[in-house]
PDB file of N, CA and C in Angstrom:
ATOM      1  N   MET A   1     -18.635 -12.904   3.914  1.00  0.00           N
ATOM      2  CA  MET A   1     -18.015 -14.209   3.811  1.00  0.00           C
ATOM      3  C   MET A   1     -16.552 -14.111   4.251  1.00  0.00           C
ATOM      4  N   SER A   2     -16.121 -15.051   5.061  1.00  0.00           N
ATOM      5  CA  SER A   2     -14.749 -15.018   5.546  1.00  0.00           C
ATOM      6  C   SER A   2     -13.791 -15.664   4.549  1.00  0.00           C
ATOM      7  N   LYS A   3     -12.562 -15.180   4.586  1.00  0.00           N
ATOM      8  CA  LYS A   3     -11.516 -15.692   3.700  1.00  0.00           C
ATOM      9  C   LYS A   3     -10.679 -16.735   4.426  1.00  0.00           C
ATOM     10  N   GLU A   4     -10.085 -17.602   3.632  1.00  0.00           N
ATOM     11  CA  GLU A   4      -9.198 -18.627   4.179  1.00  0.00           C
ATOM     12  C   GLU A   4      -7.922 -17.968   4.699  1.00  0.00           C
ATOM     13  N   ILE A   5      -7.422 -18.464   5.826  1.00  0.00           N
ATOM     14  CA  ILE A   5      -6.169 -17.986   6.397  1.00  0.00           C
ATOM     15  C   ILE A   5      -5.056 -18.933   5.945  1.00  0.00           C
ATOM     16  N   ILE A   6      -4.017 -18.360   5.337  1.00  0.00           N
ATOM     17  CA  ILE A   6      -2.878 -19.153   4.878  1.00  0.00           C
ATOM     18  C   ILE A   6      -1.629 -18.651   5.598  1.00  0.00           C
ATOM     19  N   TRP A   7      -0.982 -19.571   6.305  1.00  0.00           N
ATOM     20  CA  TRP A   7       0.219 -19.240   7.067  1.00  0.00           C
ATOM     21  C   TRP A   7       1.452 -19.456   6.196  1.00  0.00           C
ATOM     22  N   SER A   8       2.326 -18.469   6.143  1.00  0.00           N
ATOM     23  CA  SER A   8       3.601 -18.631   5.442  1.00  0.00           C
ATOM     24  C   SER A   8       4.523 -19.487   6.313  1.00  0.00           C
ATOM     25  N   PRO A   9       5.550 -20.082   5.719  1.00  0.00           N
ATOM     26  CA  PRO A   9       6.519 -20.835   6.535  1.00  0.00           C
ATOM     27  C   PRO A   9       7.152 -19.977   7.634  1.00  0.00           C
ATOM     28  N   LEU A  10       7.438 -18.710   7.325  1.00  0.00           N
ATOM     29  CA  LEU A  10       8.015 -17.831   8.351  1.00  0.00           C
ATOM     30  C   LEU A  10       7.043 -17.593   9.500  1.00  0.00           C
ATOM     31  N   SER A  11       5.781 -17.377   9.180  1.00  0.00           N
ATOM     32  CA  SER A  11       4.800 -17.136  10.244  1.00  0.00           C
ATOM     33  C   SER A  11       4.585 -18.387  11.091  1.00  0.00           C
ATOM     34  N   GLU A  12       4.630 -19.562  10.465  1.00  0.00           N
ATOM     35  CA  GLU A  12       4.509 -20.810  11.230  1.00  0.00           C
ATOM     36  C   GLU A  12       5.681 -20.962  12.194  1.00  0.00           C
ATOM     37  N   SER A  13       6.853 -20.644  11.711  1.00  0.00           N
ATOM     38  CA  SER A  13       8.040 -20.692  12.572  1.00  0.00           C
ATOM     39  C   SER A  13       7.933 -19.674  13.705  1.00  0.00           C
ATOM     40  N   ASP A  14       7.446 -18.492  13.382  1.00  0.00           N
ATOM     41  CA  ASP A  14       7.279 -17.434  14.397  1.00  0.00           C
ATOM     42  C   ASP A  14       6.359 -17.891  15.519  1.00  0.00           C
ATOM     43  N   ILE A  15       5.207 -18.416  15.153  1.00  0.00           N
ATOM     44  CA  ILE A  15       4.246 -18.783  16.199  1.00  0.00           C
ATOM     45  C   ILE A  15       4.749 -19.974  17.014  1.00  0.00           C
ATOM     46  N   GLU A  16       5.449 -20.897  16.379  1.00  0.00           N
ATOM     47  CA  GLU A  16       6.037 -22.016  17.122  1.00  0.00           C
ATOM     48  C   GLU A  16       7.045 -21.513  18.144  1.00  0.00           C
ATOM     49  N   SER A  17       7.868 -20.556  17.746  1.00  0.00           N
ATOM     50  CA  SER A  17       8.858 -19.986  18.670  1.00  0.00           C
ATOM     51  C   SER A  17       8.183 -19.263  19.833  1.00  0.00           C
ATOM     52  N   ILE A  18       7.162 -18.514  19.526  1.00  0.00           N
ATOM     53  CA  ILE A  18       6.432 -17.792  20.580  1.00  0.00           C
ATOM     54  C   ILE A  18       5.804 -18.777  21.551  1.00  0.00           C
ATOM     55  N   LEU A  19       5.156 -19.806  21.025  1.00  0.00           N
ATOM     56  CA  LEU A  19       4.507 -20.790  21.889  1.00  0.00           C
ATOM     57  C   LEU A  19       5.526 -21.559  22.720  1.00  0.00           C
ATOM     58  N   ASP A  20       6.666 -21.902  22.130  1.00  0.00           N
ATOM     59  CA  ASP A  20       7.725 -22.565  22.890  1.00  0.00           C
ATOM     60  C   ASP A  20       8.188 -21.691  24.046  1.00  0.00           C
ATOM     61  N   TYR A  21       8.407 -20.423  23.746  1.00  0.00           N
ATOM     62  CA  TYR A  21       8.832 -19.482  24.784  1.00  0.00           C
ATOM     63  C   TYR A  21       7.785 -19.386  25.897  1.00  0.00           C
ATOM     64  N   LEU A  22       6.535 -19.235  25.526  1.00  0.00           N
ATOM     65  CA  LEU A  22       5.474 -19.114  26.529  1.00  0.00           C
ATOM     66  C   LEU A  22       5.355 -20.377  27.378  1.00  0.00           C
ATOM     67  N   GLN A  23       5.476 -21.528  26.758  1.00  0.00           N
ATOM     68  CA  GLN A  23       5.375 -22.787  27.500  1.00  0.00           C
ATOM     69  C   GLN A  23       6.540 -22.973  28.463  1.00  0.00           C
ATOM     70  N   GLU A  24       7.716 -22.521  28.067  1.00  0.00           N
ATOM     71  CA  GLU A  24       8.898 -22.657  28.925  1.00  0.00           C
ATOM     72  C   GLU A  24       8.904 -21.663  30.076  1.00  0.00           C
ATOM     73  N   ASN A  25       8.344 -20.477  29.851  1.00  0.00           N
ATOM     74  CA  ASN A  25       8.489 -19.403  30.831  1.00  0.00           C
ATOM     75  C   ASN A  25       7.204 -18.974  31.533  1.00  0.00           C
ATOM     76  N   TRP A  26       6.074 -19.453  31.062  1.00  0.00           N
ATOM     77  CA  TRP A  26       4.799 -19.073  31.639  1.00  0.00           C
ATOM     78  C   TRP A  26       3.945 -20.319  31.826  1.00  0.00           C
ATOM     79  N   ASP A  27       2.752 -20.132  32.304  1.00  0.00           N
ATOM     80  CA  ASP A  27       1.880 -21.289  32.505  1.00  0.00           C
ATOM     81  C   ASP A  27       0.966 -21.509  31.298  1.00  0.00           C
ATOM     82  N   GLU A  28       0.232 -22.598  31.339  1.00  0.00           N
ATOM     83  CA  GLU A  28      -0.635 -22.981  30.218  1.00  0.00           C
ATOM     84  C   GLU A  28      -1.730 -21.944  29.963  1.00  0.00           C
ATOM     85  N   LYS A  29      -2.145 -21.251  30.997  1.00  0.00           N
ATOM     86  CA  LYS A  29      -3.181 -20.227  30.833  1.00  0.00           C
ATOM     87  C   LYS A  29      -2.709 -19.123  29.887  1.00  0.00           C
ATOM     88  N   VAL A  30      -1.479 -18.688  30.014  1.00  0.00           N
ATOM     89  CA  VAL A  30      -0.925 -17.640  29.160  1.00  0.00           C
ATOM     90  C   VAL A  30      -0.837 -18.137  27.716  1.00  0.00           C
ATOM     91  N   VAL A  31      -0.441 -19.371  27.537  1.00  0.00           N
ATOM     92  CA  VAL A  31      -0.368 -19.963  26.201  1.00  0.00           C
ATOM     93  C   VAL A  31      -1.756 -19.971  25.563  1.00  0.00           C
ATOM     94  N   GLN A  32      -2.752 -20.418  26.296  1.00  0.00           N
ATOM     95  CA  GLN A  32      -4.124 -20.470  25.775  1.00  0.00           C
ATOM     96  C   GLN A  32      -4.672 -19.081  25.464  1.00  0.00           C
ATOM     97  N   GLU A  33      -4.366 -18.122  26.321  1.00  0.00           N
ATOM     98  CA  GLU A  33      -4.824 -16.744  26.075  1.00  0.00           C
ATOM     99  C   GLU A  33      -4.216 -16.194  24.794  1.00  0.00           C
ATOM    100  N   PHE A  34      -2.931 -16.470  24.563  1.00  0.00           N
ATOM    101  CA  PHE A  34      -2.286 -16.003  23.339  1.00  0.00           C
ATOM    102  C   PHE A  34      -2.915 -16.671  22.117  1.00  0.00           C
ATOM    103  N   LEU A  35      -3.148 -17.969  22.185  1.00  0.00           N
ATOM    104  CA  LEU A  35      -3.774 -18.683  21.069  1.00  0.00           C
ATOM    105  C   LEU A  35      -5.187 -18.174  20.788  1.00  0.00           C
ATOM    106  N   GLU A  36      -5.949 -17.942  21.836  1.00  0.00           N
ATOM    107  CA  GLU A  36      -7.312 -17.434  21.673  1.00  0.00           C
ATOM    108  C   GLU A  36      -7.314 -16.027  21.079  1.00  0.00           C
ATOM    109  N   LEU A  37      -6.421 -15.178  21.543  1.00  0.00           N
ATOM    110  CA  LEU A  37      -6.315 -13.824  21.017  1.00  0.00           C
ATOM    111  C   LEU A  37      -5.949 -13.858  19.533  1.00  0.00           C
ATOM    112  N   THR A  38      -4.956 -14.647  19.191  1.00  0.00           N
ATOM    113  CA  THR A  38      -4.519 -14.757  17.798  1.00  0.00           C
ATOM    114  C   THR A  38      -5.643 -15.289  16.924  1.00  0.00           C
ATOM    115  N   SER A  39      -6.292 -16.322  17.383  1.00  0.00           N
ATOM    116  CA  SER A  39      -7.395 -16.917  16.628  1.00  0.00           C
ATOM    117  C   SER A  39      -8.540 -15.926  16.441  1.00  0.00           C
ATOM    118  N   SER A  40      -8.885 -15.223  17.499  1.00  0.00           N
ATOM    119  CA  SER A  40      -9.967 -14.252  17.447  1.00  0.00           C
ATOM    120  C   SER A  40      -9.661 -13.128  16.449  1.00  0.00           C
ATOM    121  N   LEU A  41      -8.457 -12.602  16.504  1.00  0.00           N
ATOM    122  CA  LEU A  41      -8.094 -11.526  15.585  1.00  0.00           C
ATOM    123  C   LEU A  41      -8.028 -12.015  14.141  1.00  0.00           C
ATOM    124  N   LEU A  42      -7.536 -13.215  13.929  1.00  0.00           N
ATOM    125  CA  LEU A  42      -7.502 -13.759  12.566  1.00  0.00           C
ATOM    126  C   LEU A  42      -8.912 -13.984  12.020  1.00  0.00           C
ATOM    127  N   GLU A  43      -9.807 -14.381  12.896  1.00  0.00           N
ATOM    128  CA  GLU A  43     -11.194 -14.541  12.467  1.00  0.00           C
ATOM    129  C   GLU A  43     -11.776 -13.195  12.035  1.00  0.00           C
ATOM    130  N   LYS A  44     -11.499 -12.153  12.808  1.00  0.00           N
ATOM    131  CA  LYS A  44     -11.978 -10.810  12.457  1.00  0.00           C
ATOM    132  C   LYS A  44     -11.350 -10.330  11.153  1.00  0.00           C
ATOM    133  N   ILE A  45     -10.065 -10.592  10.986  1.00  0.00           N
ATOM    134  CA  ILE A  45      -9.375 -10.204   9.754  1.00  0.00           C
ATOM    135  C   ILE A  45      -9.947 -10.951   8.557  1.00  0.00           C
ATOM    136  N   SER A  46     -10.255 -12.218   8.734  1.00  0.00           N
ATOM    137  CA  SER A  46     -10.793 -13.005   7.613  1.00  0.00           C
ATOM    138  C   SER A  46     -12.157 -12.481   7.160  1.00  0.00           C
ATOM    139  N   ILE A  47     -12.902 -11.897   8.075  1.00  0.00           N
ATOM    140  CA  ILE A  47     -14.212 -11.324   7.750  1.00  0.00           C
ATOM    141  C   ILE A  47     -14.059  -9.904   7.202  1.00  0.00           C
ATOM    142  N   ASN A  48     -13.165  -9.144   7.800  1.00  0.00           N
ATOM    143  CA  ASN A  48     -12.944  -7.755   7.389  1.00  0.00           C
ATOM    144  C   ASN A  48     -11.436  -7.507   7.235  1.00  0.00           C
ATOM    145  N   PRO A  49     -10.856  -7.849   6.097  1.00  0.00           N
ATOM    146  CA  PRO A  49      -9.405  -7.737   5.905  1.00  0.00           C
ATOM    147  C   PRO A  49      -8.842  -6.324   6.023  1.00  0.00           C
ATOM    148  N   ARG A  50      -9.672  -5.333   5.871  1.00  0.00           N
ATOM    149  CA  ARG A  50      -9.202  -3.941   5.939  1.00  0.00           C
ATOM    150  C   ARG A  50      -9.290  -3.366   7.345  1.00  0.00           C
ATOM    151  N   LEU A  51      -9.456  -4.232   8.303  1.00  0.00           N
ATOM    152  CA  LEU A  51      -9.608  -3.807   9.694  1.00  0.00           C
ATOM    153  C   LEU A  51      -8.369  -3.081  10.227  1.00  0.00           C
ATOM    154  N   PHE A  52      -7.196  -3.464   9.740  1.00  0.00           N
ATOM    155  CA  PHE A  52      -5.943  -2.886  10.237  1.00  0.00           C
ATOM    156  C   PHE A  52      -5.232  -2.129   9.122  1.00  0.00           C
ATOM    157  N   PRO A  53      -4.365  -1.193   9.486  1.00  0.00           N
ATOM    158  CA  PRO A  53      -3.765  -0.294   8.486  1.00  0.00           C
ATOM    159  C   PRO A  53      -2.718  -0.967   7.600  1.00  0.00           C
ATOM    160  N   VAL A  54      -2.627  -0.437   6.391  1.00  0.00           N
ATOM    161  CA  VAL A  54      -1.561  -0.831   5.472  1.00  0.00           C
ATOM    162  C   VAL A  54      -0.298  -0.099   5.924  1.00  0.00           C
ATOM    163  N   ILE A  55       0.796  -0.841   6.044  1.00  0.00           N
ATOM    164  CA  ILE A  55       2.043  -0.180   6.444  1.00  0.00           C
ATOM    165  C   ILE A  55       3.085  -0.202   5.337  1.00  0.00           C
ATOM    166  N   TYR A  56       2.960  -1.158   4.415  1.00  0.00           N
ATOM    167  CA  TYR A  56       3.826  -1.204   3.236  1.00  0.00           C
ATOM    168  C   TYR A  56       2.908  -1.202   2.017  1.00  0.00           C
ATOM    169  N   LYS A  57       2.714  -0.027   1.445  1.00  0.00           N
ATOM    170  CA  LYS A  57       1.726   0.122   0.374  1.00  0.00           C
ATOM    171  C   LYS A  57       2.045  -0.704  -0.862  1.00  0.00           C
ATOM    172  N   ASN A  58       3.291  -0.709  -1.293  1.00  0.00           N
ATOM    173  CA  ASN A  58       3.641  -1.451  -2.512  1.00  0.00           C
ATOM    174  C   ASN A  58       3.353  -2.938  -2.384  1.00  0.00           C
ATOM    175  N   GLU A  59       3.628  -3.499  -1.215  1.00  0.00           N
ATOM    176  CA  GLU A  59       3.401  -4.931  -0.991  1.00  0.00           C
ATOM    177  C   GLU A  59       2.017  -5.223  -0.415  1.00  0.00           C
ATOM    178  N   LYS A  60       1.264  -4.154  -0.089  1.00  0.00           N
ATOM    179  CA  LYS A  60      -0.080  -4.272   0.491  1.00  0.00           C
ATOM    180  C   LYS A  60      -0.070  -5.092   1.785  1.00  0.00           C
ATOM    181  N   ILE A  61       0.909  -4.817   2.617  1.00  0.00           N
ATOM    182  CA  ILE A  61       1.045  -5.525   3.889  1.00  0.00           C
ATOM    183  C   ILE A  61       0.396  -4.702   4.987  1.00  0.00           C
ATOM    184  N   ARG A  62      -0.402  -5.380   5.789  1.00  0.00           N
ATOM    185  CA  ARG A  62      -1.105  -4.741   6.904  1.00  0.00           C
ATOM    186  C   ARG A  62      -0.510  -5.208   8.231  1.00  0.00           C
ATOM    187  N   LYS A  63      -0.736  -4.396   9.244  1.00  0.00           N
ATOM    188  CA  LYS A  63      -0.141  -4.620  10.563  1.00  0.00           C
ATOM    189  C   LYS A  63      -1.231  -4.699  11.624  1.00  0.00           C
ATOM    190  N   CYS A  64      -1.182  -5.763  12.423  1.00  0.00           N
ATOM    191  CA  CYS A  64      -2.115  -5.950  13.538  1.00  0.00           C
ATOM    192  C   CYS A  64      -1.304  -6.214  14.804  1.00  0.00           C
ATOM    193  N   VAL A  65      -1.407  -5.341  15.791  1.00  0.00           N
ATOM    194  CA  VAL A  65      -0.699  -5.540  17.054  1.00  0.00           C
ATOM    195  C   VAL A  65      -1.480  -6.567  17.872  1.00  0.00           C
ATOM    196  N   LEU A  66      -0.841  -7.706  18.118  1.00  0.00           N
ATOM    197  CA  LEU A  66      -1.476  -8.767  18.916  1.00  0.00           C
ATOM    198  C   LEU A  66      -1.350  -8.467  20.405  1.00  0.00           C
ATOM    199  N   THR A  67      -0.119  -8.224  20.810  1.00  0.00           N
ATOM    200  CA  THR A  67       0.194  -7.871  22.197  1.00  0.00           C
ATOM    201  C   THR A  67       1.248  -6.768  22.135  1.00  0.00           C
ATOM    202  N   LYS A  68       1.631  -6.253  23.271  1.00  0.00           N
ATOM    203  CA  LYS A  68       2.669  -5.217  23.236  1.00  0.00           C
ATOM    204  C   LYS A  68       4.002  -5.783  22.752  1.00  0.00           C
ATOM    205  N   HIS A  69       4.136  -7.115  22.760  1.00  0.00           N
ATOM    206  CA  HIS A  69       5.383  -7.743  22.325  1.00  0.00           C
ATOM    207  C   HIS A  69       5.318  -8.346  20.926  1.00  0.00           C
ATOM    208  N   ASN A  70       4.128  -8.537  20.374  1.00  0.00           N
ATOM    209  CA  ASN A  70       3.995  -9.261  19.110  1.00  0.00           C
ATOM    210  C   ASN A  70       3.061  -8.541  18.136  1.00  0.00           C
ATOM    211  N   THR A  71       3.513  -8.473  16.893  1.00  0.00           N
ATOM    212  CA  THR A  71       2.730  -7.860  15.823  1.00  0.00           C
ATOM    213  C   THR A  71       2.576  -8.856  14.688  1.00  0.00           C
ATOM    214  N   LEU A  72       1.364  -8.948  14.189  1.00  0.00           N
ATOM    215  CA  LEU A  72       1.054  -9.834  13.075  1.00  0.00           C
ATOM    216  C   LEU A  72       1.013  -9.011  11.792  1.00  0.00           C
ATOM    217  N   TYR A  73       1.700  -9.503  10.772  1.00  0.00           N
ATOM    218  CA  TYR A  73       1.709  -8.858   9.462  1.00  0.00           C
ATOM    219  C   TYR A  73       1.004  -9.782   8.479  1.00  0.00           C
ATOM    220  N   TYR A  74       0.121  -9.205   7.675  1.00  0.00           N
ATOM    221  CA  TYR A  74      -0.644 -10.023   6.736  1.00  0.00           C
ATOM    222  C   TYR A  74      -0.918  -9.281   5.444  1.00  0.00           C
ATOM    223  N   ARG A  75      -1.302 -10.050   4.433  1.00  0.00           N
ATOM    224  CA  ARG A  75      -1.657  -9.498   3.130  1.00  0.00           C
ATOM    225  C   ARG A  75      -3.031 -10.029   2.746  1.00  0.00           C
ATOM    226  N   ASP A  76      -3.858  -9.119   2.259  1.00  0.00           N
ATOM    227  CA  ASP A  76      -5.201  -9.476   1.806  1.00  0.00           C
ATOM    228  C   ASP A  76      -5.130  -9.867   0.327  1.00  0.00           C
ATOM    229  N   ARG A  77      -5.514 -11.091   0.042  1.00  0.00           N
ATOM    230  CA  ARG A  77      -5.578 -11.578  -1.343  1.00  0.00           C
ATOM    231  C   ARG A  77      -7.053 -11.690  -1.742  1.00  0.00           C
ATOM    232  N   LYS A  78      -7.296 -11.985  -2.992  1.00  0.00           N
ATOM    233  CA  LYS A  78      -8.671 -12.073  -3.483  1.00  0.00           C
ATOM    234  C   LYS A  78      -9.496 -13.091  -2.690  1.00  0.00           C
ATOM    235  N   ASP A  79      -8.935 -14.275  -2.469  1.00  0.00           N
ATOM    236  CA  ASP A  79      -9.684 -15.348  -1.805  1.00  0.00           C
ATOM    237  C   ASP A  79      -9.106 -15.776  -0.465  1.00  0.00           C
ATOM    238  N   SER A  80      -8.054 -15.112  -0.017  1.00  0.00           N
ATOM    239  CA  SER A  80      -7.408 -15.561   1.214  1.00  0.00           C
ATOM    240  C   SER A  80      -6.711 -14.410   1.930  1.00  0.00           C
ATOM    241  N   ILE A  81      -6.299 -14.711   3.138  1.00  0.00           N
ATOM    242  CA  ILE A  81      -5.457 -13.824   3.934  1.00  0.00           C
ATOM    243  C   ILE A  81      -4.139 -14.559   4.138  1.00  0.00           C
ATOM    244  N   ASP A  82      -3.044 -13.934   3.746  1.00  0.00           N
ATOM    245  CA  ASP A  82      -1.723 -14.524   3.947  1.00  0.00           C
ATOM    246  C   ASP A  82      -1.121 -13.960   5.225  1.00  0.00           C
ATOM    247  N   VAL A  83      -0.922 -14.812   6.204  1.00  0.00           N
ATOM    248  CA  VAL A  83      -0.226 -14.398   7.420  1.00  0.00           C
ATOM    249  C   VAL A  83       1.257 -14.489   7.091  1.00  0.00           C
ATOM    250  N   LEU A  84       1.931 -13.349   7.109  1.00  0.00           N
ATOM    251  CA  LEU A  84       3.321 -13.289   6.671  1.00  0.00           C
ATOM    252  C   LEU A  84       4.308 -13.485   7.805  1.00  0.00           C
ATOM    253  N   ARG A  85       4.050 -12.816   8.924  1.00  0.00           N
ATOM    254  CA  ARG A  85       4.951 -12.891  10.087  1.00  0.00           C
ATOM    255  C   ARG A  85       4.175 -12.596  11.362  1.00  0.00           C
ATOM    256  N   ILE A  86       4.694 -13.115  12.465  1.00  0.00           N
ATOM    257  CA  ILE A  86       4.325 -12.642  13.799  1.00  0.00           C
ATOM    258  C   ILE A  86       5.648 -12.245  14.421  1.00  0.00           C
ATOM    259  N   PHE A  87       5.870 -10.958  14.490  1.00  0.00           N
ATOM    260  CA  PHE A  87       7.184 -10.420  14.819  1.00  0.00           C
ATOM    261  C   PHE A  87       7.238  -9.966  16.269  1.00  0.00           C
ATOM    262  N   ASP A  88       8.337 -10.314  16.940  1.00  0.00           N
ATOM    263  CA  ASP A  88       8.577  -9.871  18.305  1.00  0.00           C
ATOM    264  C   ASP A  88       9.058  -8.426  18.241  1.00  0.00           C
ATOM    265  N   ASN A  89       8.271  -7.512  18.787  1.00  0.00           N
ATOM    266  CA  ASN A  89       8.567  -6.085  18.712  1.00  0.00           C
ATOM    267  C   ASN A  89       9.829  -5.670  19.450  1.00  0.00           C
ATOM    268  N   ARG A  90      10.353  -6.545  20.280  1.00  0.00           N
ATOM    269  CA  ARG A  90      11.565  -6.215  21.027  1.00  0.00           C
ATOM    270  C   ARG A  90      12.823  -6.423  20.189  1.00  0.00           C
ATOM    271  N   GLN A  91      12.678  -7.027  19.032  1.00  0.00           N
ATOM    272  CA  GLN A  91      13.816  -7.234  18.134  1.00  0.00           C
ATOM    273  C   GLN A  91      14.126  -5.962  17.357  1.00  0.00           C
ATOM    274  N   ASP A  92      15.289  -5.969  16.751  1.00  0.00           N
ATOM    275  CA  ASP A  92      15.665  -4.880  15.862  1.00  0.00           C
ATOM    276  C   ASP A  92      14.722  -4.914  14.659  1.00  0.00           C
ATOM    277  N   PRO A  93      14.018  -3.816  14.361  1.00  0.00           N
ATOM    278  CA  PRO A  93      13.072  -3.803  13.226  1.00  0.00           C
ATOM    279  C   PRO A  93      13.731  -4.126  11.888  1.00  0.00           C
ATOM    280  N   LYS A  94      15.045  -3.946  11.801  1.00  0.00           N
ATOM    281  CA  LYS A  94      15.755  -4.279  10.561  1.00  0.00           C
ATOM    282  C   LYS A  94      15.737  -5.785  10.287  1.00  0.00           C
ATOM    283  N   LYS A  95      15.442  -6.581  11.303  1.00  0.00           N
ATOM    284  CA  LYS A  95      15.384  -8.031  11.134  1.00  0.00           C
ATOM    285  C   LYS A  95      14.066  -8.488  10.520  1.00  0.00           C
ATOM    286  N   LEU A  96      13.100  -7.595  10.430  1.00  0.00           N
ATOM    287  CA  LEU A  96      11.794  -7.956   9.878  1.00  0.00           C
ATOM    288  C   LEU A  96      11.896  -8.140   8.372  1.00  0.00           C
ATOM    289  N   THR A  97      11.666  -9.364   7.941  1.00  0.00           N
ATOM    290  CA  THR A  97      11.643  -9.687   6.510  1.00  0.00           C
ATOM    291  C   THR A  97      10.387 -10.482   6.237  1.00  0.00           C
ATOM    292  N   PHE A  98       9.988 -10.499   4.972  1.00  0.00           N
ATOM    293  CA  PHE A  98       8.761 -11.214   4.600  1.00  0.00           C
ATOM    294  C   PHE A  98       9.038 -12.313   3.628  1.00  0.00           C
TER     295      PHE A  98
END
């Protein structure tokens, strides 16, 4: 059984920024490919939340590399998956907050 996906305010802001950037600098095909990839991986995560490694054990945060530029961070809850961030890997890692 798949779990509900819940987007945090930070993750919603992240994906909006990514999509804005893609729309301004690339064509619609690239935007659609990114959306399809993200959707596909979230569907897999909702079915099998342990698919990707835990990187912060105390907070139980897992890491899924979406593209070479973007990483999705999430937490597995009893009834849901919390999408915490979609982080641009080109940024300073010290800027990553949850």
